[in-house]
C-alpha atoms as a PDB file:
ATOM      1  CA  UNK A   1      19.058 -15.743 -17.155  1.00  0.00           C
ATOM      2  CA  UNK A   2      21.344 -14.746 -14.269  1.00  0.00           C
ATOM      3  CA  UNK A   3      23.589 -17.346 -12.676  1.00  0.00           C
ATOM      4  CA  UNK A   4      22.469 -16.483  -9.125  1.00  0.00           C
ATOM      5  CA  UNK A   5      19.416 -14.791  -7.698  1.00  0.00           C
ATOM      6  CA  UNK A   6      19.116 -13.619  -4.085  1.00  0.00           C
ATOM      7  CA  UNK A   7      15.639 -13.434  -2.582  1.00  0.00           C
ATOM      8  CA  UNK A   8      14.737 -12.203   0.906  1.00  0.00           C
ATOM      9  CA  UNK A   9      11.930 -13.951   2.809  1.00  0.00           C
ATOM     10  CA  UNK A  10       9.701 -11.848   5.032  1.00  0.00           C
ATOM     11  CA  UNK A  11       7.215 -13.975   6.933  1.00  0.00           C
ATOM     12  CA  UNK A  12       4.580 -13.403   9.594  1.00  0.00           C
ATOM     13  CA  UNK A  13       4.053 -15.621  12.609  1.00  0.00           C
ATOM     14  CA  UNK A  14       0.750 -17.006  11.255  1.00  0.00           C
ATOM     15  CA  UNK A  15       2.418 -18.239   8.036  1.00  0.00           C
ATOM     16  CA  UNK A  16       5.948 -18.980   9.171  1.00  0.00           C
ATOM     17  CA  UNK A  17       5.525 -22.740   9.427  1.00  0.00           C
ATOM     18  CA  UNK A  18       4.488 -22.816   5.743  1.00  0.00           C
ATOM     19  CA  UNK A  19       7.374 -20.551   4.693  1.00  0.00           C
ATOM     20  CA  UNK A  20      10.389 -21.794   6.639  1.00  0.00           C
ATOM     21  CA  UNK A  21      11.085 -24.545   4.094  1.00  0.00           C
ATOM     22  CA  UNK A  22      11.671 -21.856   1.451  1.00  0.00           C
ATOM     23  CA  UNK A  23      14.918 -20.790   3.130  1.00  0.00           C
ATOM     24  CA  UNK A  24      18.087 -22.190   1.642  1.00  0.00           C
ATOM     25  CA  UNK A  25      19.893 -22.738  -1.653  1.00  0.00           C
ATOM     26  CA  UNK A  26      17.817 -24.060  -4.543  1.00  0.00           C
ATOM     27  CA  UNK A  27      17.992 -24.826  -8.260  1.00  0.00           C
ATOM     28  CA  UNK A  28      21.560 -25.986  -8.119  1.00  0.00           C
ATOM     29  CA  UNK A  29      22.819 -22.871  -6.409  1.00  0.00           C
ATOM     30  CA  UNK A  30      21.074 -20.463  -8.784  1.00  0.00           C
ATOM     31  CA  UNK A  31      18.468 -19.314  -6.210  1.00  0.00           C
ATOM     32  CA  UNK A  32      19.291 -18.320  -2.648  1.00  0.00           C
ATOM     33  CA  UNK A  33      16.419 -17.578  -0.240  1.00  0.00           C
ATOM     34  CA  UNK A  34      17.384 -15.910   3.032  1.00  0.00           C
ATOM     35  CA  UNK A  35      15.181 -15.033   6.025  1.00  0.00           C
ATOM     36  CA  UNK A  36      15.459 -11.252   6.384  1.00  0.00           C
ATOM     37  CA  UNK A  37      14.258 -10.930   9.976  1.00  0.00           C
ATOM     38  CA  UNK A  38      12.445 -12.992  12.575  1.00  0.00           C
ATOM     39  CA  UNK A  39       8.773 -13.757  11.879  1.00  0.00           C
ATOM     40  CA  UNK A  40       6.574 -10.682  12.234  1.00  0.00           C
ATOM     41  CA  UNK A  41       3.820 -10.457  14.827  1.00  0.00           C
ATOM     42  CA  UNK A  42       0.960  -8.832  12.896  1.00  0.00           C
ATOM     43  CA  UNK A  43      -0.785  -8.032  16.189  1.00  0.00           C
ATOM     44  CA  UNK A  44       1.899  -5.424  16.879  1.00  0.00           C
ATOM     45  CA  UNK A  45       0.682  -1.996  15.756  1.00  0.00           C
ATOM     46  CA  UNK A  46       4.159  -1.112  14.435  1.00  0.00           C
ATOM     47  CA  UNK A  47       4.415  -4.238  12.293  1.00  0.00           C
ATOM     48  CA  UNK A  48       2.878  -2.510   9.263  1.00  0.00           C
ATOM     49  CA  UNK A  49       6.067  -0.424   9.044  1.00  0.00           C
ATOM     50  CA  UNK A  50       8.434  -3.374   8.837  1.00  0.00           C
ATOM     51  CA  UNK A  51       8.503  -3.490   5.033  1.00  0.00           C
ATOM     52  CA  UNK A  52       9.142   0.259   4.858  1.00  0.00           C
ATOM     53  CA  UNK A  53      11.866   0.109   7.540  1.00  0.00           C
ATOM     54  CA  UNK A  54      13.528  -2.813   5.680  1.00  0.00           C
ATOM     55  CA  UNK A  55      13.663  -1.000   2.339  1.00  0.00           C
ATOM     56  CA  UNK A  56      17.377  -0.195   2.581  1.00  0.00           C
ATOM     57  CA  UNK A  57      18.377  -3.769   3.583  1.00  0.00           C
ATOM     58  CA  UNK A  58      16.265  -5.165   0.774  1.00  0.00           C
ATOM     59  CA  UNK A  59      18.225  -3.260  -1.838  1.00  0.00           C
ATOM     60  CA  UNK A  60      20.937  -5.928  -1.791  1.00  0.00           C
ATOM     61  CA  UNK A  61      18.334  -8.574  -2.827  1.00  0.00           C
ATOM     62  CA  UNK A  62      16.864  -9.174  -6.225  1.00  0.00           C
ATOM     63  CA  UNK A  63      13.355  -9.662  -4.767  1.00  0.00           C
ATOM     64  CA  UNK A  64      11.418 -10.089  -1.540  1.00  0.00           C
ATOM     65  CA  UNK A  65       9.065 -13.000  -1.021  1.00  0.00           C
ATOM     66  CA  UNK A  66       6.209 -12.673   1.470  1.00  0.00           C
ATOM     67  CA  UNK A  67       3.796 -15.535   2.257  1.00  0.00           C
ATOM     68  CA  UNK A  68       0.198 -14.230   2.144  1.00  0.00           C
ATOM     69  CA  UNK A  69      -2.997 -15.949   3.219  1.00  0.00           C
ATOM     70  CA  UNK A  70      -6.395 -14.731   4.511  1.00  0.00           C
ATOM     71  CA  UNK A  71      -4.850 -14.613   8.031  1.00  0.00           C
ATOM     72  CA  UNK A  72      -2.344 -11.851   7.170  1.00  0.00           C
ATOM     73  CA  UNK A  73      -3.971 -10.298   4.108  1.00  0.00           C
ATOM     74  CA  UNK A  74      -4.985  -7.153   5.971  1.00  0.00           C
ATOM     75  CA  UNK A  75      -1.441  -6.712   7.300  1.00  0.00           C
ATOM     76  CA  UNK A  76      -0.033  -7.206   3.800  1.00  0.00           C
ATOM     77  CA  UNK A  77      -2.256  -4.501   2.433  1.00  0.00           C
ATOM     78  CA  UNK A  78      -1.146  -2.028   5.079  1.00  0.00           C
ATOM     79  CA  UNK A  79       2.533  -2.947   4.810  1.00  0.00           C
ATOM     80  CA  UNK A  80       2.559  -2.370   1.044  1.00  0.00           C
ATOM     81  CA  UNK A  81       0.681   0.886   1.470  1.00  0.00           C
ATOM     82  CA  UNK A  82       3.117   2.079   4.149  1.00  0.00           C
ATOM     83  CA  UNK A  83       6.156   1.155   2.020  1.00  0.00           C
ATOM     84  CA  UNK A  84       4.785   3.229  -0.859  1.00  0.00           C
ATOM     85  CA  UNK A  85       7.255   4.414  -3.463  1.00  0.00           C
ATOM     86  CA  UNK A  86      10.186   4.157  -1.039  1.00  0.00           C
ATOM     87  CA  UNK A  87      10.610   0.426  -1.568  1.00  0.00           C
ATOM     88  CA  UNK A  88      12.815  -0.309  -4.585  1.00  0.00           C
ATOM     89  CA  UNK A  89      12.946  -4.098  -4.391  1.00  0.00           C
ATOM     90  CA  UNK A  90      10.090  -5.952  -6.151  1.00  0.00           C
ATOM     91  CA  UNK A  91       7.811  -7.877  -3.786  1.00  0.00           C
ATOM     92  CA  UNK A  92       6.367 -11.218  -4.674  1.00  0.00           C
ATOM     93  CA  UNK A  93       3.647 -12.990  -2.701  1.00  0.00           C
ATOM     94  CA  UNK A  94       3.594 -16.734  -1.949  1.00  0.00           C
ATOM     95  CA  UNK A  95      -0.191 -16.979  -1.794  1.00  0.00           C
ATOM     96  CA  UNK A  96      -2.440 -19.500  -0.188  1.00  0.00           C
ATOM     97  CA  UNK A  97      -6.243 -19.510  -0.497  1.00  0.00           C
ATOM     98  CA  UNK A  98      -6.492 -15.991  -1.875  1.00  0.00           C
ATOM     99  CA  UNK A  99      -9.183 -14.942  -4.318  1.00  0.00           C
ATOM    100  CA  UNK A 100      -8.634 -12.921  -7.447  1.00  0.00           C
ATOM    101  CA  UNK A 101     -10.094  -9.791  -5.904  1.00  0.00           C
ATOM    102  CA  UNK A 102      -7.581  -9.926  -3.114  1.00  0.00           C
ATOM    103  CA  UNK A 103      -4.693 -10.362  -5.582  1.00  0.00           C
ATOM    104  CA  UNK A 104      -5.949  -7.452  -7.641  1.00  0.00           C
ATOM    105  CA  UNK A 105      -6.004  -5.324  -4.528  1.00  0.00           C
ATOM    106  CA  UNK A 106      -2.383  -6.250  -3.703  1.00  0.00           C
ATOM    107  CA  UNK A 107      -1.276  -5.460  -7.251  1.00  0.00           C
ATOM    108  CA  UNK A 108      -2.914  -2.035  -6.944  1.00  0.00           C
ATOM    109  CA  UNK A 109      -0.947  -1.429  -3.778  1.00  0.00           C
ATOM    110  CA  UNK A 110       2.365  -2.374  -5.465  1.00  0.00           C
ATOM    111  CA  UNK A 111       2.784  -6.140  -5.440  1.00  0.00           C
ATOM    112  CA  UNK A 112       5.090  -7.104  -8.347  1.00  0.00           C
ATOM    113  CA  UNK A 113       4.067 -10.742  -8.887  1.00  0.00           C
ATOM    114  CA  UNK A 114       2.937 -13.870  -7.053  1.00  0.00           C
ATOM    115  CA  UNK A 115       3.325 -17.614  -6.956  1.00  0.00           C
ATOM    116  CA  UNK A 116       0.941 -20.090  -5.366  1.00  0.00           C
ATOM    117  CA  UNK A 117       1.491 -22.774  -2.748  1.00  0.00           C
ATOM    118  CA  UNK A 118       3.010 -25.319  -2.878  1.00  0.00           C
ATOM    119  CA  UNK A 119       6.272 -23.442  -3.131  1.00  0.00           C
ATOM    120  CA  UNK A 120       8.117 -24.157  -6.421  1.00  0.00           C
ATOM    121  CA  UNK A 121      11.764 -22.982  -6.455  1.00  0.00           C
ATOM    122  CA  UNK A 122      11.985 -23.047 -10.299  1.00  0.00           C
ATOM    123  CA  UNK A 123       8.844 -20.964 -10.693  1.00  0.00           C
ATOM    124  CA  UNK A 124      10.142 -18.366  -8.208  1.00  0.00           C
ATOM    125  CA  UNK A 125      13.508 -18.248  -9.987  1.00  0.00           C
ATOM    126  CA  UNK A 126      11.883 -17.718 -13.369  1.00  0.00           C
ATOM    127  CA  UNK A 127       9.499 -15.028 -12.130  1.00  0.00           C
ATOM    128  CA  UNK A 128      12.258 -13.068 -10.387  1.00  0.00           C
ATOM    129  CA  UNK A 129      14.433 -13.232 -13.469  1.00  0.00           C
ATOM    130  CA  UNK A 130      11.492 -12.050 -15.584  1.00  0.00           C
ATOM    131  CA  UNK A 131      11.030  -9.050 -13.322  1.00  0.00           C
ATOM    132  CA  UNK A 132      14.708  -8.186 -13.573  1.00  0.00           C
ATOM    133  CA  UNK A 133      14.555  -8.505 -17.378  1.00  0.00           C
ATOM    134  CA  UNK A 134      11.594  -6.114 -17.413  1.00  0.00           C
ATOM    135  CA  UNK A 135      13.518  -3.661 -15.272  1.00  0.00           C
ATOM    136  CA  UNK A 136      16.592  -3.765 -17.520  1.00  0.00           C
ATOM    137  CA  UNK A 137      14.441  -3.454 -20.655  1.00  0.00           C
ATOM    138  CA  UNK A 138      12.539  -0.426 -19.335  1.00  0.00           C
ATOM    139  CA  UNK A 139      15.725   1.172 -18.130  1.00  0.00           C
ATOM    140  CA  UNK A 140      16.978   1.104 -21.716  1.00  0.00           C
ATOM    141  CA  UNK A 141      13.607   2.273 -23.025  1.00  0.00           C
ATOM    142  CA  UNK A 142      12.103   4.601 -20.419  1.00  0.00           C
ATOM    143  CA  UNK A 143       9.267   5.720 -22.659  1.00  0.00           C
ATOM    144  CA  UNK A 144       8.123   2.154 -23.150  1.00  0.00           C
ATOM    145  CA  UNK A 145       7.552   1.431 -19.467  1.00  0.00           C
ATOM    146  CA  UNK A 146       4.286  -0.438 -18.915  1.00  0.00           C
ATOM    147  CA  UNK A 147       1.520   1.163 -16.920  1.00  0.00           C
ATOM    148  CA  UNK A 148       2.169   0.778 -13.206  1.00  0.00           C
ATOM    149  CA  UNK A 149       5.947   0.609 -13.513  1.00  0.00           C
ATOM    150  CA  UNK A 150       8.164   3.687 -13.527  1.00  0.00           C
ATOM    151  CA  UNK A 151      11.660   2.595 -14.262  1.00  0.00           C
ATOM    152  CA  UNK A 152      15.007   4.303 -13.969  1.00  0.00           C
ATOM    153  CA  UNK A 153      18.398   2.544 -14.183  1.00  0.00           C
ATOM    154  CA  UNK A 154      18.903   0.357 -11.131  1.00  0.00           C
ATOM    155  CA  UNK A 155      15.550   1.234  -9.580  1.00  0.00           C
ATOM    156  CA  UNK A 156      12.285  -0.617  -9.190  1.00  0.00           C
ATOM    157  CA  UNK A 157       9.498   1.752  -8.281  1.00  0.00           C
ATOM    158  CA  UNK A 158       5.763   1.572  -8.084  1.00  0.00           C
ATOM    159  CA  UNK A 159       2.891   4.047  -8.241  1.00  0.00           C
ATOM    160  CA  UNK A 160       2.594   5.600  -4.805  1.00  0.00           C
ATOM    161  CA  UNK A 161      -0.483   4.102  -3.082  1.00  0.00           C
ATOM    162  CA  UNK A 162      -0.940   7.430  -1.233  1.00  0.00           C
ATOM    163  CA  UNK A 163      -1.710   9.089  -4.518  1.00  0.00           C
ATOM    164  CA  UNK A 164      -4.098   6.354  -5.489  1.00  0.00           C
ATOM    165  CA  UNK A 165      -5.834   6.440  -2.115  1.00  0.00           C
ATOM    166  CA  UNK A 166      -6.377  10.184  -2.364  1.00  0.00           C
ATOM    167  CA  UNK A 167      -8.859   9.551  -5.217  1.00  0.00           C
ATOM    168  CA  UNK A 168     -10.890   6.997  -3.261  1.00  0.00           C
ATOM    169  CA  UNK A 169     -10.160   7.723   0.368  1.00  0.00           C
ATOM    170  CA  UNK A 170     -13.139  10.081   0.801  1.00  0.00           C
ATOM    171  CA  UNK A 171     -15.398   7.176  -0.085  1.00  0.00           C
ATOM    172  CA  UNK A 172     -13.927   4.748   2.451  1.00  0.00           C
ATOM    173  CA  UNK A 173     -12.144   6.692   5.164  1.00  0.00           C
ATOM    174  CA  UNK A 174     -14.980   6.359   7.693  1.00  0.00           C
ATOM    175  CA  UNK A 175     -14.763   2.577   7.427  1.00  0.00           C
ATOM    176  CA  UNK A 176     -10.967   2.328   7.742  1.00  0.00           C
ATOM    177  CA  UNK A 177      -9.225   1.221  10.938  1.00  0.00           C
ATOM    178  CA  UNK A 178      -6.693   3.306  12.785  1.00  0.00           C
ATOM    179  CA  UNK A 179      -3.874   1.116  11.454  1.00  0.00           C
ATOM    180  CA  UNK A 180      -5.004   1.638   7.877  1.00  0.00           C
ATOM    181  CA  UNK A 181      -5.103   5.405   8.416  1.00  0.00           C
ATOM    182  CA  UNK A 182      -1.658   5.262   9.975  1.00  0.00           C
ATOM    183  CA  UNK A 183      -0.380   3.354   6.920  1.00  0.00           C
ATOM    184  CA  UNK A 184      -1.880   5.995   4.614  1.00  0.00           C
ATOM    185  CA  UNK A 185      -0.197   8.744   6.652  1.00  0.00           C
ATOM    186  CA  UNK A 186       3.123   6.914   6.564  1.00  0.00           C
ATOM    187  CA  UNK A 187       2.957   6.434   2.813  1.00  0.00           C
ATOM    188  CA  UNK A 188       2.083  10.093   2.287  1.00  0.00           C
ATOM    189  CA  UNK A 189       4.822  11.316   4.573  1.00  0.00           C
ATOM    190  CA  UNK A 190       7.404   8.982   3.015  1.00  0.00           C
ATOM    191  CA  UNK A 191       6.605  10.264  -0.435  1.00  0.00           C
ATOM    192  CA  UNK A 192       6.951  13.861   0.748  1.00  0.00           C
ATOM    193  CA  UNK A 193      10.223  13.080   2.472  1.00  0.00           C
ATOM    194  CA  UNK A 194      11.787  12.074  -0.843  1.00  0.00           C
ATOM    195  CA  UNK A 195      11.124  15.532  -2.221  1.00  0.00           C
ATOM    196  CA  UNK A 196      12.585  18.883  -1.310  1.00  0.00           C
ATOM    197  CA  UNK A 197       9.590  19.891   0.816  1.00  0.00           C
ATOM    198  CA  UNK A 198      10.157  21.006   4.372  1.00  0.00           C
ATOM    199  CA  UNK A 199       8.775  19.038   7.302  1.00  0.00           C
ATOM    200  CA  UNK A 200       6.152  21.695   7.923  1.00  0.00           C
ATOM    201  CA  UNK A 201       5.005  21.705   4.311  1.00  0.00           C
ATOM    202  CA  UNK A 202       4.847  17.909   4.173  1.00  0.00           C
ATOM    203  CA  UNK A 203       2.916  17.683   7.432  1.00  0.00           C
ATOM    204  CA  UNK A 204       0.472  20.317   6.216  1.00  0.00           C
ATOM    205  CA  UNK A 205      -0.171  18.339   3.031  1.00  0.00           C
ATOM    206  CA  UNK A 206      -0.890  15.104   4.870  1.00  0.00           C
ATOM    207  CA  UNK A 207      -3.274  16.855   7.296  1.00  0.00           C
ATOM    208  CA  UNK A 208      -5.073  18.714   4.520  1.00  0.00           C
ATOM    209  CA  UNK A 209      -5.577  15.562   2.506  1.00  0.00           C
ATOM    210  CA  UNK A 210      -6.980  13.772   5.563  1.00  0.00           C
ATOM    211  CA  UNK A 211      -9.342  16.644   6.400  1.00  0.00           C
ATOM    212  CA  UNK A 212     -10.589  16.939   2.848  1.00  0.00           C
ATOM    213  CA  UNK A 213     -11.189  13.193   2.584  1.00  0.00           C
ATOM    214  CA  UNK A 214     -12.949  13.012   5.954  1.00  0.00           C
ATOM    215  CA  UNK A 215     -15.294  15.952   5.288  1.00  0.00           C
ATOM    216  CA  UNK A 216     -16.279  14.556   1.888  1.00  0.00           C
ATOM    217  CA  UNK A 217     -16.894  11.127   3.383  1.00  0.00           C
ATOM    218  CA  UNK A 218     -19.027  12.537   6.218  1.00  0.00           C
ATOM    219  CA  UNK A 219     -21.100  14.592   3.770  1.00  0.00           C
ATOM    220  CA  UNK A 220     -21.525  11.623   1.467  1.00  0.00           C
ATOM    221  CA  UNK A 221     -22.677   9.366   4.305  1.00  0.00           C
ATOM    222  CA  UNK A 222     -25.268  11.866   5.438  1.00  0.00           C
ATOM    223  CA  UNK A 223     -26.386  12.959   1.957  1.00  0.00           C
ATOM    224  CA  UNK A 224     -25.115  16.511   2.369  1.00  0.00           C
ATOM    225  CA  UNK A 225     -26.786  17.192   5.696  1.00  0.00           C
ATOM    226  CA  UNK A 226     -24.135  19.334   7.370  1.00  0.00           C
ATOM    227  CA  UNK A 227     -25.650  19.197  10.868  1.00  0.00           C
ATOM    228  CA  UNK A 228     -25.771  15.404  10.860  1.00  0.00           C
ATOM    229  CA  UNK A 229     -22.287  15.105   9.379  1.00  0.00           C
ATOM    230  CA  UNK A 230     -20.885  17.465  12.010  1.00  0.00           C
ATOM    231  CA  UNK A 231     -22.629  15.569  14.782  1.00  0.00           C
ATOM    232  CA  UNK A 232     -21.314  12.262  13.570  1.00  0.00           C
ATOM    233  CA  UNK A 233     -17.789  13.722  13.363  1.00  0.00           C
ATOM    234  CA  UNK A 234     -18.212  15.077  16.952  1.00  0.00           C
ATOM    235  CA  UNK A 235     -17.380  18.558  15.771  1.00  0.00           C
ATOM    236  CA  UNK A 236     -19.273  21.790  16.341  1.00  0.00           C
ATOM    237  CA  UNK A 237     -21.295  22.729  13.270  1.00  0.00           C
ATOM    238  CA  UNK A 238     -19.357  26.047  12.903  1.00  0.00           C
ATOM    239  CA  UNK A 239     -16.020  24.156  13.007  1.00  0.00           C
ATOM    240  CA  UNK A 240     -17.318  21.726  10.382  1.00  0.00           C
ATOM    241  CA  UNK A 241     -18.415  24.679   8.228  1.00  0.00           C
ATOM    242  CA  UNK A 242     -14.958  26.256   8.653  1.00  0.00           C
ATOM    243  CA  UNK A 243     -13.308  23.066   7.338  1.00  0.00           C
ATOM    244  CA  UNK A 244     -15.693  22.991   4.378  1.00  0.00           C
ATOM    245  CA  UNK A 245     -14.756  26.587   3.498  1.00  0.00           C
ATOM    246  CA  UNK A 246     -11.096  25.887   4.028  1.00  0.00           C
ATOM    247  CA  UNK A 247     -11.145  23.075   1.461  1.00  0.00           C
ATOM    248  CA  UNK A 248     -13.777  24.691  -0.802  1.00  0.00           C
ATOM    249  CA  UNK A 249     -16.202  21.774  -0.318  1.00  0.00           C
ATOM    250  CA  UNK A 250     -19.844  22.272  -1.339  1.00  0.00           C
ATOM    251  CA  UNK A 251     -22.548  20.079   0.260  1.00  0.00           C
ATOM    252  CA  UNK A 252     -24.830  20.574  -2.789  1.00  0.00           C
ATOM    253  CA  UNK A 253     -23.575  17.628  -4.890  1.00  0.00           C
ATOM    254  CA  UNK A 254     -24.116  15.306  -1.962  1.00  0.00           C
ATOM    255  CA  UNK A 255     -27.643  16.584  -1.361  1.00  0.00           C
ATOM    256  CA  UNK A 256     -28.734  15.747  -4.937  1.00  0.00           C
ATOM    257  CA  UNK A 257     -28.502  12.072  -3.988  1.00  0.00           C
ATOM    258  CA  UNK A 258     -30.616  12.473  -0.844  1.00  0.00           C
ATOM    259  CA  UNK A 259     -33.814  10.518  -0.513  1.00  0.00           C
ATOM    260  CA  UNK A 260     -37.148  12.370  -0.498  1.00  0.00           C
ATOM    261  CA  UNK A 261     -37.740  11.810   3.231  1.00  0.00           C
ATOM    262  CA  UNK A 262     -34.226  12.661   4.425  1.00  0.00           C
ATOM    263  CA  UNK A 263     -34.201  15.833   6.627  1.00  0.00           C
ATOM    264  CA  UNK A 264     -32.103  18.621   5.312  1.00  0.00           C
ATOM    265  CA  UNK A 265     -30.361  21.351   7.252  1.00  0.00           C
ATOM    266  CA  UNK A 266     -31.282  24.879   6.489  1.00  0.00           C
END
């Protein structure tokens, strides 16, 4: 176990009063918790990018602790999604009144671990040290990395949520808020920016993925009725057809699930 662990605290305004007591030196000097920035206003549209924009500063810490409750759960989801694979520092949640389904969702988006309120300094120290041990072990044995962790020496990385969302986005995109779509776009763009792709190529990929997901979602919602899907999307039917041809999308599979009384377009 390491002699000293440094943990950054990233709190939101709604949870700051429950998190401020975490700041300081604990466990006989073996755990140092430092407030990274001022409490975040989750009502600010740009707040979902804070974790992503803090990724470089967080590299000097062993972990990042974020208090999460039902009040800021939506923000936490979007922040993790926006940070994507760019964030190298493991994120732990200090959770309060969260159900198992919410925790599972956060783990899917890249959460490394969690502890529950009330805050226990010894538990946090042990969990951070365990994460670091896992990182060192997997760095020495890259083929033995557990599912969900891709380890290289000195790097903590997670499966990119943009790649995960691509598989399910077409099922939920019509129900997502503008902020959630922005977070998806940020995660996708950030992943592309770490490759050798040009700006134009990366932009084209993000737009194509959005178009493909949206068209599939619209067809699914209207059981393959192209006219109804185009009308709901506020696009001319010919333009909607053009997007279907562009992405090689067939309305047939969606029509097979249509009810017997649902009108079909000819």
